[in-house]
Amino acid sequence: MEIAPKELIDTYLINEIKNMLVNTSLPIKEISAELNFEDPPYLACFFRRNTGMSPLEYRKKNQM
């Protein structure tokens, strides 16, 4: 079974967002700009749709 290119890109982006949320203190606004999202609310919607939680919820849950 092949994986669609969009699915590969989405998986890559989710992993990058997760990495930046956990390993940096960058605000969502900067993460959004860094990953070329139109704006922070779009990144938050994309992240929630793919993970079931907001970026801030994810960051709080996974802080060390």
Protein backbone atom coordinates (compact mmCIF):
# COMPACT_ATOMS: atom_id res chain seq x y z
CA MET A 1 0.00 0.00 0.00
CA GLU A 2 1.46 3.33 -1.06
CA ILE A 3 1.31 6.45 1.05
CA ALA A 4 -0.04 9.56 -0.66
CA PRO A 5 2.40 12.49 -0.96
CA LYS A 6 0.06 14.74 1.06
CA GLU A 7 0.05 12.21 3.89
CA LEU A 8 3.86 12.12 3.89
CA ILE A 9 4.03 15.92 3.99
CA ASP A 10 1.43 16.15 6.76
CA THR A 11 3.28 13.53 8.84
CA TYR A 12 6.55 15.39 8.35
CA LEU A 13 4.98 18.71 9.36
CA ILE A 14 3.32 17.24 12.47
CA ASN A 15 6.64 15.72 13.55
CA GLU A 16 8.44 19.04 12.98
CA ILE A 17 5.82 20.96 14.94
CA LYS A 18 5.99 18.43 17.80
CA ASN A 19 9.79 18.68 17.82
CA MET A 20 9.74 22.47 17.90
CA LEU A 21 7.07 22.55 20.61
CA VAL A 22 9.02 20.23 22.90
CA ASN A 23 12.61 21.23 22.15
CA THR A 24 12.33 25.00 21.78
CA SER A 25 10.57 27.81 23.59
CA LEU A 26 9.53 29.46 20.33
CA PRO A 27 6.01 30.86 20.38
CA ILE A 28 3.44 29.33 18.05
CA LYS A 29 3.66 32.47 15.90
CA GLU A 30 7.35 31.83 15.18
CA ILE A 31 6.88 28.09 14.63
CA SER A 32 4.10 28.94 12.18
CA ALA A 33 6.35 31.34 10.26
CA GLU A 34 9.30 28.93 10.32
CA LEU A 35 7.20 26.15 8.77
CA ASN A 36 5.52 28.46 6.22
CA PHE A 37 1.97 28.32 7.55
CA GLU A 38 -0.27 31.22 6.54
CA ASP A 39 -0.87 32.18 10.15
CA PRO A 40 -0.76 30.70 13.68
CA PRO A 41 -4.48 29.82 13.83
CA TYR A 42 -4.10 27.72 10.68
CA LEU A 43 -1.15 25.85 12.22
CA ALA A 44 -3.19 25.27 15.40
CA CYS A 45 -6.16 23.95 13.40
CA PHE A 46 -3.91 21.67 11.32
CA PHE A 47 -2.18 20.38 14.46
CA ARG A 48 -5.46 19.74 16.34
CA ARG A 49 -6.99 17.96 13.34
CA ASN A 50 -3.99 15.61 13.19
CA THR A 51 -3.26 15.07 16.90
CA GLY A 52 -6.51 15.76 18.76
CA MET A 53 -4.94 18.51 20.88
CA SER A 54 -3.83 22.09 20.51
CA PRO A 55 -0.14 22.96 20.15
CA LEU A 56 -0.14 24.50 23.65
CA GLU A 57 -1.78 21.41 25.16
CA TYR A 58 0.85 19.26 23.47
CA ARG A 59 3.69 21.48 24.71
CA LYS A 60 2.41 21.41 28.32
CA LYS A 61 1.86 17.64 28.25
CA ASN A 62 5.33 16.92 26.86
CA GLN A 63 7.50 19.41 28.73
CA MET A 64 10.39 17.93 30.64
